[in-house]
């Protein structure tokens, strides 16, 4: 995926989950943050950020903050809508893991949840739940960076579906350069780690999807995709 109408700014502060103040062309500008996670290790005063101009004069904020530069690492995409979009682009490219897709349906209702993608490949019935990873510690990605009851519910739904014969995946879209593995962030949300282990034991596979990250572009690095399953 590629952004249009991007510009650079300097991060100042984030008073709440939804908005931040940046310095743009020498002036302070209030912008929308397209990520409700904490991003504490990324959104530091003085950091370079990428903004997208919305072009909607009725909005209170004219810019969306979509990426931030982390010292010693590079650009990190924090747009929470981007992981689903880049995964859909990847699926539409007919990847070897999901050849001959005959049906691709986003936002598929299963149980009490909406799973990000349902697809059929011949007789295969596949559910994919997508999680964007933006937290990096010592070269390893961690998810979540804030407690997510919704994420826990999704894992148990996938576990149930796997036991009923669906082919289920938890897909981590890693929007951090050089990071190829994601671990459950049990320090921040122990319940997610418990649900993660339960899902894997039930047959849910984990897809690690590293990305090529640029200030105005994000795409899956197809050469470094890996898939993990439980071996007990």
Protein backbone atom coordinates (compact mmCIF):
# COMPACT_ATOMS: atom_id res chain seq x y z
CA UNK A 1 0.00 0.00 0.00
CA UNK A 2 1.15 3.49 -0.78
CA UNK A 3 0.10 6.76 0.84
CA UNK A 4 -0.63 9.93 -1.08
CA UNK A 5 -0.14 13.51 0.13
CA UNK A 6 2.50 12.71 2.75
CA UNK A 7 4.64 15.22 4.59
CA UNK A 8 7.16 15.18 7.43
CA UNK A 9 6.82 16.77 10.86
CA UNK A 10 8.38 16.70 14.31
CA UNK A 11 6.50 15.01 17.15
CA UNK A 12 5.81 17.14 20.24
CA UNK A 13 3.33 15.32 22.48
CA UNK A 14 0.30 13.03 22.58
CA UNK A 15 -2.25 14.22 25.14
CA UNK A 16 -4.57 11.25 24.54
CA UNK A 17 -4.93 8.12 22.38
CA UNK A 18 -6.49 9.92 19.45
CA UNK A 19 -4.55 13.12 18.90
CA UNK A 20 -1.01 14.44 18.94
CA UNK A 21 0.72 17.77 18.48
CA UNK A 22 3.50 18.09 15.94
CA UNK A 23 5.62 20.87 14.54
CA UNK A 24 4.83 21.30 10.85
CA UNK A 25 6.43 24.05 8.77
CA UNK A 26 7.41 25.85 11.97
CA UNK A 27 3.90 25.80 13.44
CA UNK A 28 2.17 23.56 15.98
CA UNK A 29 -0.45 21.33 14.34
CA UNK A 30 -3.00 19.06 16.00
CA UNK A 31 -3.18 15.69 14.16
CA UNK A 32 -5.06 12.41 14.42
CA UNK A 33 -3.06 9.36 15.56
CA UNK A 34 -4.12 6.28 13.57
CA UNK A 35 -3.29 3.91 16.42
CA UNK A 36 -4.95 3.65 19.84
CA UNK A 37 -2.07 1.59 21.29
CA UNK A 38 0.45 3.14 23.64
CA UNK A 39 3.42 3.51 21.26
CA UNK A 40 5.34 4.97 24.21
CA UNK A 41 8.70 3.82 22.92
CA UNK A 42 8.03 5.36 19.49
CA UNK A 43 6.25 8.66 19.96
CA UNK A 44 9.04 10.53 21.70
CA UNK A 45 9.45 14.32 21.66
CA UNK A 46 11.61 15.37 18.74
CA UNK A 47 10.98 12.20 16.68
CA UNK A 48 10.37 12.56 12.95
CA UNK A 49 6.88 11.48 11.90
CA UNK A 50 5.00 11.06 8.64
CA UNK A 51 1.62 12.72 8.15
CA UNK A 52 -1.04 12.15 5.51
CA UNK A 53 -3.20 15.12 4.56
CA UNK A 54 -6.82 14.00 4.50
CA UNK A 55 -8.26 16.60 2.15
CA UNK A 56 -11.47 16.76 4.21
CA UNK A 57 -12.12 20.41 5.23
CA UNK A 58 -14.85 19.31 7.67
CA UNK A 59 -12.48 17.34 9.86
CA UNK A 60 -11.14 18.88 13.06
CA UNK A 61 -7.70 17.46 12.24
CA UNK A 62 -6.41 17.80 8.70
CA UNK A 63 -3.62 15.24 9.06
CA UNK A 64 -3.26 11.59 10.09
CA UNK A 65 -0.03 10.46 11.77
CA UNK A 66 0.90 7.11 10.16
CA UNK A 67 4.62 6.48 10.77
CA UNK A 68 7.42 7.43 13.12
CA UNK A 69 11.20 7.17 12.85
CA UNK A 70 12.81 5.14 15.65
CA UNK A 71 16.47 5.89 16.29
CA UNK A 72 18.77 3.07 15.25
CA UNK A 73 15.95 1.15 13.59
CA UNK A 74 14.22 3.18 10.89
CA UNK A 75 10.63 3.95 9.97
CA UNK A 76 7.85 2.15 11.85
CA UNK A 77 4.33 2.21 10.45
CA UNK A 78 1.74 2.70 13.22
CA UNK A 79 -1.38 3.00 11.05
CA UNK A 80 -3.75 0.44 12.61
CA UNK A 81 -5.68 0.13 9.34
CA UNK A 82 -2.59 -0.74 7.29
CA UNK A 83 -2.07 -4.40 8.37
CA UNK A 84 -5.41 -5.56 6.97
CA UNK A 85 -4.85 -3.65 3.76
CA UNK A 86 -1.37 -5.04 3.09
CA UNK A 87 -2.52 -8.55 3.98
CA UNK A 88 -5.40 -8.28 1.50
CA UNK A 89 -2.98 -7.09 -1.18
CA UNK A 90 -0.76 -10.08 -0.41
CA UNK A 91 -3.67 -12.53 -0.59
CA UNK A 92 -4.73 -11.04 -3.92
CA UNK A 93 -1.23 -11.78 -5.26
CA UNK A 94 -2.00 -15.53 -5.04
CA UNK A 95 0.68 -16.49 -2.48
CA UNK A 96 1.90 -20.09 -2.44
CA UNK A 97 0.45 -20.62 1.04
CA UNK A 98 -3.07 -19.89 -0.23
CA UNK A 99 -3.16 -20.92 -3.86
CA UNK A 100 -6.36 -20.91 -5.94
CA UNK A 101 -8.45 -18.66 -3.72
CA UNK A 102 -12.05 -18.93 -4.90
CA UNK A 103 -13.60 -16.79 -2.16
CA UNK A 104 -12.11 -13.95 -0.11
CA UNK A 105 -14.37 -12.27 2.42
CA UNK A 106 -13.17 -9.58 4.87
CA UNK A 107 -14.83 -9.06 8.26
CA UNK A 108 -16.28 -12.56 8.47
CA UNK A 109 -18.66 -13.19 11.35
CA UNK A 110 -17.76 -16.24 13.39
CA UNK A 111 -19.30 -16.80 16.81
CA UNK A 112 -19.38 -13.49 18.63
CA UNK A 113 -16.46 -12.03 16.68
CA UNK A 114 -15.63 -10.63 13.29
CA UNK A 115 -12.56 -12.43 11.99
CA UNK A 116 -10.54 -10.32 9.57
CA UNK A 117 -10.59 -12.72 6.59
CA UNK A 118 -12.38 -15.87 5.51
CA UNK A 119 -11.19 -17.56 2.35
CA UNK A 120 -11.78 -20.74 0.46
CA UNK A 121 -9.07 -22.49 -1.55
CA UNK A 122 -10.73 -25.49 -3.11
CA UNK A 123 -11.93 -27.58 -0.16
CA UNK A 124 -9.94 -25.51 2.36
CA UNK A 125 -11.94 -23.19 4.62
CA UNK A 126 -9.53 -20.66 6.11
CA UNK A 127 -9.89 -18.03 8.85
CA UNK A 128 -7.20 -15.37 9.29
CA UNK A 129 -7.08 -12.88 12.15
CA UNK A 130 -4.63 -10.02 11.59
CA UNK A 131 -2.63 -8.21 14.26
CA UNK A 132 -0.28 -5.32 13.55
CA UNK A 133 2.96 -5.34 15.54
CA UNK A 134 4.71 -2.03 16.29
CA UNK A 135 6.49 -2.86 19.58
CA UNK A 136 10.13 -3.94 19.28
CA UNK A 137 12.52 -4.88 22.09
CA UNK A 138 16.06 -6.05 21.28
CA UNK A 139 15.13 -7.03 17.74
CA UNK A 140 12.02 -9.01 18.68
CA UNK A 141 8.42 -7.90 18.17
CA UNK A 142 5.83 -8.10 20.94
CA UNK A 143 2.03 -7.97 20.87
CA UNK A 144 -0.01 -6.34 22.29
CA UNK A 145 1.49 -3.07 23.50
CA UNK A 146 -1.69 -2.45 25.55
CA UNK A 147 -4.26 -4.89 27.00
CA UNK A 148 -6.70 -6.17 24.37
CA UNK A 149 -9.74 -8.11 25.51
CA UNK A 150 -10.88 -8.17 21.89
CA UNK A 151 -7.64 -9.85 20.88
CA UNK A 152 -8.07 -12.50 23.58
CA UNK A 153 -11.63 -13.21 22.42
CA UNK A 154 -10.43 -13.60 18.83
CA UNK A 155 -7.87 -16.20 19.87
CA UNK A 156 -10.44 -18.33 21.66
CA UNK A 157 -12.80 -18.03 18.68
CA UNK A 158 -10.00 -19.22 16.37
CA UNK A 159 -9.23 -22.12 18.71
CA UNK A 160 -12.87 -23.20 18.62
CA UNK A 161 -12.98 -22.90 14.82
CA UNK A 162 -9.79 -24.96 14.46
CA UNK A 163 -11.28 -27.72 16.54
CA UNK A 164 -14.30 -27.72 14.21
CA UNK A 165 -12.15 -28.23 11.14
CA UNK A 166 -11.35 -24.73 9.90
CA UNK A 167 -7.77 -23.93 8.90
CA UNK A 168 -7.00 -21.01 11.23
CA UNK A 169 -4.19 -18.47 11.29
CA UNK A 170 -3.12 -15.62 13.53
CA UNK A 171 -1.20 -13.30 11.20
CA UNK A 172 1.24 -10.79 12.65
CA UNK A 173 1.93 -7.99 10.18
CA UNK A 174 5.26 -6.68 11.46
CA UNK A 175 5.55 -3.01 10.49
CA UNK A 176 9.06 -2.71 11.93
CA UNK A 177 12.18 -3.00 9.75
CA UNK A 178 14.36 -6.04 10.43
CA UNK A 179 11.95 -7.74 12.87
CA UNK A 180 10.79 -11.23 11.83
CA UNK A 181 9.39 -12.75 15.01
CA UNK A 182 6.63 -11.75 17.44
CA UNK A 183 6.07 -13.02 20.97
CA UNK A 184 3.02 -12.53 23.22
CA UNK A 185 3.56 -9.55 25.48
CA UNK A 186 2.68 -11.38 28.69
CA UNK A 187 4.12 -8.61 30.84
CA UNK A 188 1.50 -6.18 29.54
CA UNK A 189 -1.36 -8.66 29.10
CA UNK A 190 -0.86 -12.12 30.64
CA UNK A 191 -4.30 -13.29 29.46
CA UNK A 192 -3.24 -12.80 25.84
CA UNK A 193 -0.31 -15.14 26.37
CA UNK A 194 -2.60 -17.78 27.88
CA UNK A 195 -5.05 -17.47 24.99
CA UNK A 196 -2.18 -17.58 22.48
CA UNK A 197 -0.92 -20.90 23.86
CA UNK A 198 -4.44 -22.33 23.96
CA UNK A 199 -5.03 -21.33 20.34
CA UNK A 200 -1.80 -22.93 19.15
CA UNK A 201 -2.55 -26.17 21.01
CA UNK A 202 -5.97 -26.20 19.33
CA UNK A 203 -4.30 -26.07 15.92
CA UNK A 204 -4.18 -22.35 15.12
CA UNK A 205 -1.06 -21.53 13.09
CA UNK A 206 0.91 -18.31 13.47
CA UNK A 207 2.03 -16.36 10.42
CA UNK A 208 4.91 -13.92 10.78
CA UNK A 209 4.71 -11.35 7.98
CA UNK A 210 7.67 -8.93 8.09
CA UNK A 211 7.21 -5.76 6.07
CA UNK A 212 9.26 -3.45 3.93
CA UNK A 213 8.60 -0.10 5.59
CA UNK A 214 9.09 3.24 3.88
CA UNK A 215 7.79 6.66 4.92
CA UNK A 216 4.97 6.54 2.36
CA UNK A 217 4.66 2.82 1.67
CA UNK A 218 4.16 -0.54 3.38
CA UNK A 219 4.26 -4.01 1.85
CA UNK A 220 4.87 -7.56 3.03
CA UNK A 221 8.42 -8.87 2.57
CA UNK A 222 7.53 -12.14 0.87
CA UNK A 223 11.07 -13.53 1.15
CA UNK A 224 10.97 -13.71 4.94
CA UNK A 225 7.48 -15.01 5.71
CA UNK A 226 7.39 -17.86 8.24
CA UNK A 227 4.61 -20.03 9.63
CA UNK A 228 4.63 -21.62 13.06
CA UNK A 229 2.43 -24.39 14.43
CA UNK A 230 2.23 -26.13 17.80
CA UNK A 231 4.31 -29.27 18.17
CA UNK A 232 3.44 -31.08 21.35
